[in-house]
Amino acid sequence: ASRIDDLHNYQAWLGGTATRKPIWAVPQSFSIPEDYWSRDPTSD
């Protein structure tokens, strides 16, 4: 949520028509092993 809020805020800071660019989410849904992540997200 914080990252999406950040991107909306940056667009507002820039002003102009950039304020209306859609934001899409790319959430974490991969299975380990990965370098930085020790486990999968739970369903919840």
PDB file of all heavy atoms in Angstrom:
ATOM      1  N   ALA A   1       0.827  -1.207   0.000  1.00  0.00           N
ATOM      2  CA  ALA A   1       0.000   0.000   0.000  1.00  0.00           C
ATOM      3  C   ALA A   1       0.861   1.257   0.000  1.00  0.00           C
ATOM      4  O   ALA A   1       0.565   2.233  -0.707  1.00  0.00           O
ATOM      5  CB  ALA A   1      -0.934  -0.006   1.211  1.00  0.00           C
ATOM      6  N   SER A   2       1.934   1.243   0.782  1.00  0.00           N
ATOM      7  CA  SER A   2       2.804   2.419   0.858  1.00  0.00           C
ATOM      8  C   SER A   2       3.437   2.728  -0.485  1.00  0.00           C
ATOM      9  O   SER A   2       3.540   3.898  -0.881  1.00  0.00           O
ATOM     10  CB  SER A   2       3.901   2.199   1.908  1.00  0.00           C
ATOM     11  OG  SER A   2       3.349   2.076   3.194  1.00  0.00           O
ATOM     12  N   ARG A   3       3.864   1.679  -1.206  1.00  0.00           N
ATOM     13  CA  ARG A   3       4.516   1.918  -2.495  1.00  0.00           C
ATOM     14  C   ARG A   3       3.522   2.489  -3.512  1.00  0.00           C
ATOM     15  O   ARG A   3       3.865   3.388  -4.289  1.00  0.00           O
ATOM     16  CB  ARG A   3       5.137   0.627  -3.011  1.00  0.00           C
ATOM     17  CG  ARG A   3       5.998   0.787  -4.270  1.00  0.00           C
ATOM     18  CD  ARG A   3       7.165   1.765  -4.058  1.00  0.00           C
ATOM     19  NE  ARG A   3       7.909   1.487  -2.854  1.00  0.00           N
ATOM     20  CZ  ARG A   3       8.929   0.623  -2.777  1.00  0.00           C
ATOM     21  NH1 ARG A   3       9.309  -0.053  -3.838  1.00  0.00           N
ATOM     22  NH2 ARG A   3       9.578   0.444  -1.636  1.00  0.00           N
ATOM     23  N   ILE A   4       2.306   1.994  -3.515  1.00  0.00           N
ATOM     24  CA  ILE A   4       1.294   2.544  -4.428  1.00  0.00           C
ATOM     25  C   ILE A   4       0.990   3.991  -4.062  1.00  0.00           C
ATOM     26  O   ILE A   4       0.869   4.860  -4.932  1.00  0.00           O
ATOM     27  CB  ILE A   4       0.029   1.669  -4.404  1.00  0.00           C
ATOM     28  CG1 ILE A   4       0.336   0.301  -5.018  1.00  0.00           C
ATOM     29  CG2 ILE A   4      -1.116   2.349  -5.145  1.00  0.00           C
ATOM     30  CD1 ILE A   4      -0.790  -0.699  -4.890  1.00  0.00           C
ATOM     31  N   ASP A   5       0.884   4.273  -2.766  1.00  0.00           N
ATOM     32  CA  ASP A   5       0.672   5.660  -2.324  1.00  0.00           C
ATOM     33  C   ASP A   5       1.816   6.549  -2.793  1.00  0.00           C
ATOM     34  O   ASP A   5       1.600   7.692  -3.230  1.00  0.00           O
ATOM     35  CB  ASP A   5       0.564   5.721  -0.804  1.00  0.00           C
ATOM     36  CG  ASP A   5      -0.711   5.108  -0.270  1.00  0.00           C
ATOM     37  OD1 ASP A   5      -1.634   4.855  -1.063  1.00  0.00           O
ATOM     38  OD2 ASP A   5      -0.781   4.860   0.956  1.00  0.00           O
ATOM     39  N   ASP A   6       3.052   6.048  -2.678  1.00  0.00           N
ATOM     40  CA  ASP A   6       4.211   6.824  -3.120  1.00  0.00           C
ATOM     41  C   ASP A   6       4.081   7.206  -4.589  1.00  0.00           C
ATOM     42  O   ASP A   6       4.277   8.371  -4.968  1.00  0.00           O
ATOM     43  CB  ASP A   6       5.508   6.022  -2.933  1.00  0.00           C
ATOM     44  CG  ASP A   6       5.937   5.901  -1.480  1.00  0.00           C
ATOM     45  OD1 ASP A   6       5.455   6.700  -0.652  1.00  0.00           O
ATOM     46  OD2 ASP A   6       6.751   5.011  -1.183  1.00  0.00           O
ATOM     47  N   LEU A   7       3.741   6.242  -5.438  1.00  0.00           N
ATOM     48  CA  LEU A   7       3.668   6.516  -6.868  1.00  0.00           C
ATOM     49  C   LEU A   7       2.559   7.519  -7.184  1.00  0.00           C
ATOM     50  O   LEU A   7       2.713   8.387  -8.054  1.00  0.00           O
ATOM     51  CB  LEU A   7       3.456   5.213  -7.639  1.00  0.00           C
ATOM     52  CG  LEU A   7       4.576   4.164  -7.488  1.00  0.00           C
ATOM     53  CD1 LEU A   7       4.296   2.959  -8.369  1.00  0.00           C
ATOM     54  CD2 LEU A   7       5.940   4.754  -7.806  1.00  0.00           C
ATOM     55  N   HIS A   8       1.430   7.407  -6.489  1.00  0.00           N
ATOM     56  CA  HIS A   8       0.374   8.412  -6.673  1.00  0.00           C
ATOM     57  C   HIS A   8       0.868   9.796  -6.227  1.00  0.00           C
ATOM     58  O   HIS A   8       0.586  10.805  -6.888  1.00  0.00           O
ATOM     59  CB  HIS A   8      -0.872   8.025  -5.880  1.00  0.00           C
ATOM     60  CG  HIS A   8      -1.700   6.959  -6.531  1.00  0.00           C
ATOM     61  ND1 HIS A   8      -2.227   7.098  -7.787  1.00  0.00           N
ATOM     62  CD2 HIS A   8      -2.100   5.728  -6.099  1.00  0.00           C
ATOM     63  CE1 HIS A   8      -2.918   6.013  -8.109  1.00  0.00           C
ATOM     64  NE2 HIS A   8      -2.849   5.171  -7.095  1.00  0.00           N
ATOM     65  N   ASN A   9       1.588   9.843  -5.103  1.00  0.00           N
ATOM     66  CA  ASN A   9       2.104  11.122  -4.606  1.00  0.00           C
ATOM     67  C   ASN A   9       3.085  11.743  -5.591  1.00  0.00           C
ATOM     68  O   ASN A   9       3.050  12.956  -5.836  1.00  0.00           O
ATOM     69  CB  ASN A   9       2.767  10.942  -3.250  1.00  0.00           C
ATOM     70  CG  ASN A   9       1.772  10.708  -2.129  1.00  0.00           C
ATOM     71  OD1 ASN A   9       0.606  11.103  -2.227  1.00  0.00           O
ATOM     72  ND2 ASN A   9       2.211  10.062  -1.065  1.00  0.00           N
ATOM     73  N   TYR A  10       3.980  10.930  -6.148  1.00  0.00           N
ATOM     74  CA  TYR A  10       4.963  11.473  -7.087  1.00  0.00           C
ATOM     75  C   TYR A  10       4.273  12.069  -8.312  1.00  0.00           C
ATOM     76  O   TYR A  10       4.690  13.110  -8.822  1.00  0.00           O
ATOM     77  CB  TYR A  10       5.945  10.376  -7.526  1.00  0.00           C
ATOM     78  CG  TYR A  10       6.717   9.731  -6.396  1.00  0.00           C
ATOM     79  CD1 TYR A  10       7.245   8.456  -6.541  1.00  0.00           C
ATOM     80  CD2 TYR A  10       6.912  10.388  -5.186  1.00  0.00           C
ATOM     81  CE1 TYR A  10       7.949   7.840  -5.512  1.00  0.00           C
ATOM     82  CE2 TYR A  10       7.602   9.790  -4.148  1.00  0.00           C
ATOM     83  CZ  TYR A  10       8.120   8.505  -4.304  1.00  0.00           C
ATOM     84  OH  TYR A  10       8.807   7.903  -3.289  1.00  0.00           O
ATOM     85  N   GLN A  11       3.234  11.409  -8.787  1.00  0.00           N
ATOM     86  CA  GLN A  11       2.505  11.965  -9.917  1.00  0.00           C
ATOM     87  C   GLN A  11       1.862  13.306  -9.546  1.00  0.00           C
ATOM     88  O   GLN A  11       1.861  14.240 -10.349  1.00  0.00           O
ATOM     89  CB  GLN A  11       1.440  10.972 -10.389  1.00  0.00           C
ATOM     90  CG  GLN A  11       2.018   9.702 -11.009  1.00  0.00           C
ATOM     91  CD  GLN A  11       0.968   8.874 -11.728  1.00  0.00           C
ATOM     92  OE1 GLN A  11       0.567   9.203 -12.838  1.00  0.00           O
ATOM     93  NE2 GLN A  11       0.525   7.805 -11.094  1.00  0.00           N
ATOM     94  N   ALA A  12       1.324  13.368  -8.348  1.00  0.00           N
ATOM     95  CA  ALA A  12       0.727  14.632  -7.893  1.00  0.00           C
ATOM     96  C   ALA A  12       1.784  15.725  -7.775  1.00  0.00           C
ATOM     97  O   ALA A  12       1.525  16.895  -8.096  1.00  0.00           O
ATOM     98  CB  ALA A  12       0.017  14.426  -6.558  1.00  0.00           C
ATOM     99  N   TRP A  13       2.973  15.353  -7.306  1.00  0.00           N
ATOM    100  CA  TRP A  13       4.052  16.340  -7.208  1.00  0.00           C
ATOM    101  C   TRP A  13       4.435  16.888  -8.576  1.00  0.00           C
ATOM    102  O   TRP A  13       4.708  18.073  -8.731  1.00  0.00           O
ATOM    103  CB  TRP A  13       5.282  15.723  -6.549  1.00  0.00           C
ATOM    104  CG  TRP A  13       5.090  15.345  -5.117  1.00  0.00           C
ATOM    105  CD1 TRP A  13       3.999  15.581  -4.330  1.00  0.00           C
ATOM    106  CD2 TRP A  13       6.014  14.628  -4.294  1.00  0.00           C
ATOM    107  NE1 TRP A  13       4.192  15.064  -3.076  1.00  0.00           N
ATOM    108  CE2 TRP A  13       5.415  14.474  -3.018  1.00  0.00           C
ATOM    109  CE3 TRP A  13       7.279  14.091  -4.505  1.00  0.00           C
ATOM    110  CZ2 TRP A  13       6.057  13.808  -1.968  1.00  0.00           C
ATOM    111  CZ3 TRP A  13       7.927  13.423  -3.465  1.00  0.00           C
ATOM    112  CH2 TRP A  13       7.310  13.298  -2.206  1.00  0.00           C
ATOM    113  N   LEU A  14       4.453  16.010  -9.582  1.00  0.00           N
ATOM    114  CA  LEU A  14       4.831  16.439 -10.924  1.00  0.00           C
ATOM    115  C   LEU A  14       3.743  17.301 -11.557  1.00  0.00           C
ATOM    116  O   LEU A  14       4.027  18.200 -12.345  1.00  0.00           O
ATOM    117  CB  LEU A  14       5.116  15.230 -11.814  1.00  0.00           C
ATOM    118  CG  LEU A  14       6.360  14.424 -11.464  1.00  0.00           C
ATOM    119  CD1 LEU A  14       6.451  13.178 -12.330  1.00  0.00           C
ATOM    120  CD2 LEU A  14       7.609  15.283 -11.626  1.00  0.00           C
ATOM    121  N   GLY A  15       2.473  17.006 -11.224  1.00  0.00           N
ATOM    122  CA  GLY A  15       1.365  17.779 -11.760  1.00  0.00           C
ATOM    123  C   GLY A  15       1.104  17.453 -13.213  1.00  0.00           C
ATOM    124  O   GLY A  15       1.664  16.520 -13.801  1.00  0.00           O
ATOM    125  N   GLY A  16       0.223  18.224 -13.820  1.00  0.00           N
ATOM    126  CA  GLY A  16      -0.116  18.018 -15.214  1.00  0.00           C
ATOM    127  C   GLY A  16      -0.915  16.740 -15.422  1.00  0.00           C
ATOM    128  O   GLY A  16      -1.456  16.148 -14.490  1.00  0.00           O
ATOM    129  N   THR A  17      -0.952  16.280 -16.670  1.00  0.00           N
ATOM    130  CA  THR A  17      -1.734  15.088 -16.987  1.00  0.00           C
ATOM    131  C   THR A  17      -1.097  13.821 -16.446  1.00  0.00           C
ATOM    132  O   THR A  17      -1.737  12.762 -16.446  1.00  0.00           O
ATOM    133  CB  THR A  17      -1.915  14.965 -18.508  1.00  0.00           C
ATOM    134  OG1 THR A  17      -0.622  14.954 -19.134  1.00  0.00           O
ATOM    135  CG2 THR A  17      -2.725  16.125 -19.050  1.00  0.00           C
ATOM    136  N   ALA A  18       0.164  13.893 -15.989  1.00  0.00           N
ATOM    137  CA  ALA A  18       0.809  12.712 -15.410  1.00  0.00           C
ATOM    138  C   ALA A  18       0.072  12.214 -14.173  1.00  0.00           C
ATOM    139  O   ALA A  18       0.229  11.053 -13.783  1.00  0.00           O
ATOM    140  CB  ALA A  18       2.262  13.031 -15.043  1.00  0.00           C
ATOM    141  N   THR A  19      -0.740  13.063 -13.573  1.00  0.00           N
ATOM    142  CA  THR A  19      -1.439  12.664 -12.353  1.00  0.00           C
ATOM    143  C   THR A  19      -2.467  11.576 -12.614  1.00  0.00           C
ATOM    144  O   THR A  19      -2.959  10.946 -11.676  1.00  0.00           O
ATOM    145  CB  THR A  19      -2.149  13.869 -11.720  1.00  0.00           C
ATOM    146  OG1 THR A  19      -3.059  14.434 -12.666  1.00  0.00           O
ATOM    147  CG2 THR A  19      -1.131  14.935 -11.312  1.00  0.00           C
ATOM    148  N   ARG A  20      -2.825  11.324 -13.867  1.00  0.00           N
ATOM    149  CA  ARG A  20      -3.872  10.350 -14.173  1.00  0.00           C
ATOM    150  C   ARG A  20      -3.325   9.032 -14.729  1.00  0.00           C
ATOM    151  O   ARG A  20      -4.108   8.211 -15.200  1.00  0.00           O
ATOM    152  CB  ARG A  20      -4.883  10.959 -15.147  1.00  0.00           C
ATOM    153  CG  ARG A  20      -5.751  12.043 -14.501  1.00  0.00           C
ATOM    154  CD  ARG A  20      -6.896  12.468 -15.392  1.00  0.00           C
ATOM    155  NE  ARG A  20      -7.733  13.467 -14.759  1.00  0.00           N
ATOM    156  CZ  ARG A  20      -8.800  13.195 -13.999  1.00  0.00           C
ATOM    157  NH1 ARG A  20      -9.124  11.939 -13.770  1.00  0.00           N
ATOM    158  NH2 ARG A  20      -9.520  14.172 -13.468  1.00  0.00           N
ATOM    159  N   LYS A  21      -2.028   8.816 -14.701  1.00  0.00           N
ATOM    160  CA  LYS A  21      -1.513   7.530 -15.170  1.00  0.00           C
ATOM    161  C   LYS A  21      -1.914   6.429 -14.193  1.00  0.00           C
ATOM    162  O   LYS A  21      -1.712   6.556 -12.980  1.00  0.00           O
ATOM    163  CB  LYS A  21       0.011   7.569 -15.303  1.00  0.00           C
ATOM    164  CG  LYS A  21       0.492   8.397 -16.477  1.00  0.00           C
ATOM    165  CD  LYS A  21       1.997   8.289 -16.654  1.00  0.00           C
ATOM    166  CE  LYS A  21       2.445   9.109 -17.866  1.00  0.00           C
ATOM    167  NZ  LYS A  21       3.901   8.995 -18.096  1.00  0.00           N
ATOM    168  N   PRO A  22      -2.495   5.328 -14.698  1.00  0.00           N
ATOM    169  CA  PRO A  22      -2.889   4.241 -13.795  1.00  0.00           C
ATOM    170  C   PRO A  22      -1.669   3.594 -13.130  1.00  0.00           C
ATOM    171  O   PRO A  22      -0.578   3.524 -13.704  1.00  0.00           O
ATOM    172  CB  PRO A  22      -3.576   3.240 -14.727  1.00  0.00           C
ATOM    173  CG  PRO A  22      -3.902   3.997 -15.973  1.00  0.00           C
ATOM    174  CD  PRO A  22      -2.863   5.066 -16.098  1.00  0.00           C
ATOM    175  N   ILE A  23      -1.896   3.097 -11.906  1.00  0.00           N
ATOM    176  CA  ILE A  23      -0.903   2.317 -11.178  1.00  0.00           C
ATOM    177  C   ILE A  23      -1.379   0.868 -11.146  1.00  0.00           C
ATOM    178  O   ILE A  23      -2.534   0.601 -10.796  1.00  0.00           O
ATOM    179  CB  ILE A  23      -0.718   2.843  -9.734  1.00  0.00           C
ATOM    180  CG1 ILE A  23      -0.401   4.343  -9.733  1.00  0.00           C
ATOM    181  CG2 ILE A  23       0.372   2.054  -9.022  1.00  0.00           C
ATOM    182  CD1 ILE A  23       0.867   4.734 -10.414  1.00  0.00           C
ATOM    183  N   TRP A  24      -0.501  -0.047 -11.504  1.00  0.00           N
ATOM    184  CA  TRP A  24      -0.791  -1.477 -11.434  1.00  0.00           C
ATOM    185  C   TRP A  24       0.089  -2.125 -10.378  1.00  0.00           C
ATOM    186  O   TRP A  24       1.237  -1.700 -10.166  1.00  0.00           O
ATOM    187  CB  TRP A  24      -0.541  -2.155 -12.773  1.00  0.00           C
ATOM    188  CG  TRP A  24      -1.550  -1.865 -13.836  1.00  0.00           C
ATOM    189  CD1 TRP A  24      -2.522  -0.905 -13.820  1.00  0.00           C
ATOM    190  CD2 TRP A  24      -1.664  -2.542 -15.098  1.00  0.00           C
ATOM    191  NE1 TRP A  24      -3.244  -0.942 -14.994  1.00  0.00           N
ATOM    192  CE2 TRP A  24      -2.752  -1.935 -15.796  1.00  0.00           C
ATOM    193  CE3 TRP A  24      -0.980  -3.590 -15.700  1.00  0.00           C
ATOM    194  CZ2 TRP A  24      -3.135  -2.357 -17.066  1.00  0.00           C
ATOM    195  CZ3 TRP A  24      -1.367  -4.010 -16.969  1.00  0.00           C
ATOM    196  CH2 TRP A  24      -2.441  -3.397 -17.637  1.00  0.00           C
ATOM    197  N   ALA A  25      -0.435  -3.155  -9.740  1.00  0.00           N
ATOM    198  CA  ALA A  25       0.310  -3.866  -8.700  1.00  0.00           C
ATOM    199  C   ALA A  25       0.923  -5.147  -9.253  1.00  0.00           C
ATOM    200  O   ALA A  25       0.297  -5.852 -10.044  1.00  0.00           O
ATOM    201  CB  ALA A  25      -0.616  -4.205  -7.529  1.00  0.00           C
ATOM    202  N   VAL A  26       2.142  -5.416  -8.816  1.00  0.00           N
ATOM    203  CA  VAL A  26       2.830  -6.678  -9.117  1.00  0.00           C
ATOM    204  C   VAL A  26       3.183  -7.315  -7.772  1.00  0.00           C
ATOM    205  O   VAL A  26       4.304  -7.193  -7.292  1.00  0.00           O
ATOM    206  CB  VAL A  26       4.090  -6.452  -9.969  1.00  0.00           C
ATOM    207  CG1 VAL A  26       4.731  -7.793 -10.344  1.00  0.00           C
ATOM    208  CG2 VAL A  26       3.764  -5.657 -11.223  1.00  0.00           C
ATOM    209  N   PRO A  27       2.223  -7.974  -7.124  1.00  0.00           N
ATOM    210  CA  PRO A  27       2.482  -8.502  -5.787  1.00  0.00           C
ATOM    211  C   PRO A  27       3.343  -9.759  -5.826  1.00  0.00           C
ATOM    212  O   PRO A  27       3.555 -10.382  -6.875  1.00  0.00           O
ATOM    213  CB  PRO A  27       1.082  -8.802  -5.249  1.00  0.00           C
ATOM    214  CG  PRO A  27       0.258  -9.029  -6.470  1.00  0.00           C
ATOM    215  CD  PRO A  27       0.817  -8.131  -7.535  1.00  0.00           C
ATOM    216  N   GLN A  28       3.823 -10.112  -4.669  1.00  0.00           N
ATOM    217  CA  GLN A  28       4.720 -11.261  -4.492  1.00  0.00           C
ATOM    218  C   GLN A  28       3.900 -12.549  -4.457  1.00  0.00           C
ATOM    219  O   GLN A  28       3.051 -12.734  -3.602  1.00  0.00           O
ATOM    220  CB  GLN A  28       5.486 -11.072  -3.185  1.00  0.00           C
ATOM    221  CG  GLN A  28       6.470 -12.144  -2.809  1.00  0.00           C
ATOM    222  CD  GLN A  28       7.174 -11.807  -1.516  1.00  0.00           C
ATOM    223  OE1 GLN A  28       7.082 -10.667  -1.025  1.00  0.00           O
ATOM    224  NE2 GLN A  28       7.882 -12.758  -0.935  1.00  0.00           N
ATOM    225  N   SER A  29       4.187 -13.447  -5.399  1.00  0.00           N
ATOM    226  CA  SER A  29       3.473 -14.717  -5.411  1.00  0.00           C
ATOM    227  C   SER A  29       4.366 -15.822  -5.971  1.00  0.00           C
ATOM    228  O   SER A  29       3.904 -16.713  -6.670  1.00  0.00           O
ATOM    229  CB  SER A  29       2.194 -14.604  -6.237  1.00  0.00           C
ATOM    230  OG  SER A  29       1.418 -15.774  -6.124  1.00  0.00           O
ATOM    231  N   PHE A  30       5.644 -15.719  -5.696  1.00  0.00           N
ATOM    232  CA  PHE A  30       6.578 -16.724  -6.189  1.00  0.00           C
ATOM    233  C   PHE A  30       6.959 -17.681  -5.071  1.00  0.00           C
ATOM    234  O   PHE A  30       6.789 -17.378  -3.887  1.00  0.00           O
ATOM    235  CB  PHE A  30       7.832 -16.078  -6.782  1.00  0.00           C
ATOM    236  CG  PHE A  30       8.462 -15.017  -5.922  1.00  0.00           C
ATOM    237  CD1 PHE A  30       9.271 -15.342  -4.842  1.00  0.00           C
ATOM    238  CD2 PHE A  30       8.245 -13.672  -6.206  1.00  0.00           C
ATOM    239  CE1 PHE A  30       9.862 -14.362  -4.067  1.00  0.00           C
ATOM    240  CE2 PHE A  30       8.835 -12.678  -5.427  1.00  0.00           C
ATOM    241  CZ  PHE A  30       9.642 -13.022  -4.349  1.00  0.00           C
ATOM    242  N   SER A  31       7.470 -18.824  -5.462  1.00  0.00           N
ATOM    243  CA  SER A  31       7.889 -19.836  -4.501  1.00  0.00           C
ATOM    244  C   SER A  31       9.400 -19.794  -4.343  1.00  0.00           C
ATOM    245  O   SER A  31      10.141 -19.559  -5.301  1.00  0.00           O
ATOM    246  CB  SER A  31       7.457 -21.233  -4.963  1.00  0.00           C
ATOM    247  OG  SER A  31       6.056 -21.351  -4.958  1.00  0.00           O
ATOM    248  N   ILE A  32       9.852 -20.000  -3.117  1.00  0.00           N
ATOM    249  CA  ILE A  32      11.285 -20.045  -2.866  1.00  0.00           C
ATOM    250  C   ILE A  32      11.852 -21.294  -3.525  1.00  0.00           C
ATOM    251  O   ILE A  32      11.108 -22.235  -3.827  1.00  0.00           O
ATOM    252  CB  ILE A  32      11.571 -20.028  -1.340  1.00  0.00           C
ATOM    253  CG1 ILE A  32      10.811 -21.168  -0.641  1.00  0.00           C
ATOM    254  CG2 ILE A  32      11.206 -18.704  -0.733  1.00  0.00           C
ATOM    255  CD1 ILE A  32      11.138 -21.318   0.809  1.00  0.00           C
ATOM    256  N   PRO A  33      13.155 -21.415  -3.791  1.00  0.00           N
ATOM    257  CA  PRO A  33      14.189 -20.527  -3.265  1.00  0.00           C
ATOM    258  C   PRO A  33      14.371 -19.246  -4.085  1.00  0.00           C
ATOM    259  O   PRO A  33      14.321 -19.274  -5.297  1.00  0.00           O
ATOM    260  CB  PRO A  33      15.454 -21.379  -3.355  1.00  0.00           C
ATOM    261  CG  PRO A  33      15.207 -22.273  -4.525  1.00  0.00           C
ATOM    262  CD  PRO A  33      13.735 -22.570  -4.506  1.00  0.00           C
ATOM    263  N   GLU A  34      14.542 -18.153  -3.389  1.00  0.00           N
ATOM    264  CA  GLU A  34      14.928 -16.874  -3.963  1.00  0.00           C
ATOM    265  C   GLU A  34      15.954 -16.250  -3.031  1.00  0.00           C
ATOM    266  O   GLU A  34      16.000 -16.546  -1.830  1.00  0.00           O
ATOM    267  CB  GLU A  34      13.715 -15.939  -4.096  1.00  0.00           C
ATOM    268  CG  GLU A  34      12.721 -16.357  -5.184  1.00  0.00           C
ATOM    269  CD  GLU A  34      13.185 -15.947  -6.566  1.00  0.00           C
ATOM    270  OE1 GLU A  34      14.258 -15.299  -6.654  1.00  0.00           O
ATOM    271  OE2 GLU A  34      12.487 -16.262  -7.541  1.00  0.00           O
ATOM    272  N   ASP A  35      16.772 -15.336  -3.584  1.00  0.00           N
ATOM    273  CA  ASP A  35      17.915 -14.838  -2.822  1.00  0.00           C
ATOM    274  C   ASP A  35      17.528 -14.065  -1.566  1.00  0.00           C
ATOM    275  O   ASP A  35      18.196 -14.159  -0.544  1.00  0.00           O
ATOM    276  CB  ASP A  35      18.770 -13.929  -3.708  1.00  0.00           C
ATOM    277  CG  ASP A  35      19.513 -14.722  -4.776  1.00  0.00           C
ATOM    278  OD1 ASP A  35      19.784 -15.913  -4.532  1.00  0.00           O
ATOM    279  OD2 ASP A  35      19.808 -14.152  -5.829  1.00  0.00           O
ATOM    280  N   TYR A  36      16.471 -13.290  -1.633  1.00  0.00           N
ATOM    281  CA  TYR A  36      16.160 -12.363  -0.551  1.00  0.00           C
ATOM    282  C   TYR A  36      14.982 -12.796   0.306  1.00  0.00           C
ATOM    283  O   TYR A  36      14.765 -12.232   1.369  1.00  0.00           O
ATOM    284  CB  TYR A  36      15.844 -10.976  -1.135  1.00  0.00           C
ATOM    285  CG  TYR A  36      16.984 -10.356  -1.895  1.00  0.00           C
ATOM    286  CD1 TYR A  36      17.079 -10.501  -3.275  1.00  0.00           C
ATOM    287  CD2 TYR A  36      17.972  -9.620  -1.238  1.00  0.00           C
ATOM    288  CE1 TYR A  36      18.128  -9.925  -3.980  1.00  0.00           C
ATOM    289  CE2 TYR A  36      19.017  -9.044  -1.933  1.00  0.00           C
ATOM    290  CZ  TYR A  36      19.093  -9.207  -3.310  1.00  0.00           C
ATOM    291  OH  TYR A  36      20.134  -8.633  -4.007  1.00  0.00           O
ATOM    292  N   TRP A  37      14.220 -13.783  -0.145  1.00  0.00           N
ATOM    293  CA  TRP A  37      12.954 -14.114   0.469  1.00  0.00           C
ATOM    294  C   TRP A  37      13.013 -15.524   1.047  1.00  0.00           C
ATOM    295  O   TRP A  37      13.292 -16.504   0.337  1.00  0.00           O
ATOM    296  CB  TRP A  37      11.829 -13.985  -0.556  1.00  0.00           C
ATOM    297  CG  TRP A  37      11.783 -12.589  -1.085  1.00  0.00           C
ATOM    298  CD1 TRP A  37      11.126 -11.532  -0.540  1.00  0.00           C
ATOM    299  CD2 TRP A  37      12.444 -12.084  -2.260  1.00  0.00           C
ATOM    300  NE1 TRP A  37      11.319 -10.397  -1.284  1.00  0.00           N
ATOM    301  CE2 TRP A  37      12.136 -10.704  -2.351  1.00  0.00           C
ATOM    302  CE3 TRP A  37      13.279 -12.658  -3.233  1.00  0.00           C
ATOM    303  CZ2 TRP A  37      12.629  -9.890  -3.369  1.00  0.00           C
ATOM    304  CZ3 TRP A  37      13.764 -11.851  -4.249  1.00  0.00           C
ATOM    305  CH2 TRP A  37      13.435 -10.491  -4.321  1.00  0.00           C
ATOM    306  N   SER A  38      12.710 -15.652   2.328  1.00  0.00           N
ATOM    307  CA  SER A  38      12.899 -16.923   3.028  1.00  0.00           C
ATOM    308  C   SER A  38      11.712 -17.861   2.910  1.00  0.00           C
ATOM    309  O   SER A  38      11.825 -19.047   3.220  1.00  0.00           O
ATOM    310  CB  SER A  38      13.172 -16.648   4.516  1.00  0.00           C
ATOM    311  OG  SER A  38      12.054 -16.012   5.127  1.00  0.00           O
ATOM    312  N   ARG A  39      10.566 -17.347   2.446  1.00  0.00           N
ATOM    313  CA  ARG A  39       9.372 -18.207   2.385  1.00  0.00           C
ATOM    314  C   ARG A  39       8.369 -17.631   1.403  1.00  0.00           C
ATOM    315  O   ARG A  39       8.468 -16.473   0.987  1.00  0.00           O
ATOM    316  CB  ARG A  39       8.718 -18.336   3.765  1.00  0.00           C
ATOM    317  CG  ARG A  39       8.162 -17.025   4.332  1.00  0.00           C
ATOM    318  CD  ARG A  39       7.448 -17.233   5.650  1.00  0.00           C
ATOM    319  NE  ARG A  39       6.926 -15.994   6.212  1.00  0.00           N
ATOM    320  CZ  ARG A  39       5.756 -15.457   5.905  1.00  0.00           C
ATOM    321  NH1 ARG A  39       4.978 -16.043   5.006  1.00  0.00           N
ATOM    322  NH2 ARG A  39       5.354 -14.328   6.482  1.00  0.00           N
ATOM    323  N   ASP A  40       7.392 -18.467   1.029  1.00  0.00           N
ATOM    324  CA  ASP A  40       6.269 -18.013   0.213  1.00  0.00           C
ATOM    325  C   ASP A  40       5.307 -17.181   1.068  1.00  0.00           C
ATOM    326  O   ASP A  40       5.221 -17.390   2.286  1.00  0.00           O
ATOM    327  CB  ASP A  40       5.467 -19.192  -0.324  1.00  0.00           C
ATOM    328  CG  ASP A  40       6.255 -20.084  -1.258  1.00  0.00           C
ATOM    329  OD1 ASP A  40       7.472 -19.848  -1.421  1.00  0.00           O
ATOM    330  OD2 ASP A  40       5.658 -21.014  -1.817  1.00  0.00           O
ATOM    331  N   PRO A  41       4.550 -16.282   0.457  1.00  0.00           N
ATOM    332  CA  PRO A  41       3.423 -15.702   1.184  1.00  0.00           C
ATOM    333  C   PRO A  41       2.388 -16.784   1.490  1.00  0.00           C
ATOM    334  O   PRO A  41       2.243 -17.757   0.736  1.00  0.00           O
ATOM    335  CB  PRO A  41       2.842 -14.678   0.196  1.00  0.00           C
ATOM    336  CG  PRO A  41       3.896 -14.462  -0.837  1.00  0.00           C
ATOM    337  CD  PRO A  41       4.675 -15.739  -0.920  1.00  0.00           C
ATOM    338  N   THR A  42       1.695 -16.631   2.582  1.00  0.00           N
ATOM    339  CA  THR A  42       0.544 -17.493   2.836  1.00  0.00           C
ATOM    340  C   THR A  42      -0.621 -17.027   1.964  1.00  0.00           C
ATOM    341  O   THR A  42      -0.593 -15.928   1.395  1.00  0.00           O
ATOM    342  CB  THR A  42       0.119 -17.435   4.303  1.00  0.00           C
ATOM    343  OG1 THR A  42      -0.355 -16.109   4.603  1.00  0.00           O
ATOM    344  CG2 THR A  42       1.286 -17.772   5.229  1.00  0.00           C
ATOM    345  N   SER A  43      -1.652 -17.842   1.878  1.00  0.00           N
ATOM    346  CA  SER A  43      -2.836 -17.426   1.125  1.00  0.00           C
ATOM    347  C   SER A  43      -3.426 -16.142   1.698  1.00  0.00           C
ATOM    348  O   SER A  43      -3.811 -15.229   0.954  1.00  0.00           O
ATOM    349  CB  SER A  43      -3.882 -18.542   1.132  1.00  0.00           C
ATOM    350  OG  SER A  43      -3.404 -19.681   0.456  1.00  0.00           O
ATOM    351  N   ASP A  44      -3.497 -16.067   3.031  1.00  0.00           N
ATOM    352  CA  ASP A  44      -4.052 -14.858   3.653  1.00  0.00           C
ATOM    353  C   ASP A  44      -3.205 -13.633   3.318  1.00  0.00           C
ATOM    354  O   ASP A  44      -3.742 -12.558   3.028  1.00  0.00           O
ATOM    355  CB  ASP A  44      -4.126 -15.033   5.171  1.00  0.00           C
ATOM    356  CG  ASP A  44      -5.283 -15.920   5.607  1.00  0.00           C
ATOM    357  OD1 ASP A  44      -6.210 -16.110   4.796  1.00  0.00           O
ATOM    358  OD2 ASP A  44      -5.257 -16.431   6.740  1.00  0.00           O
TER     359      ASP A  44
END
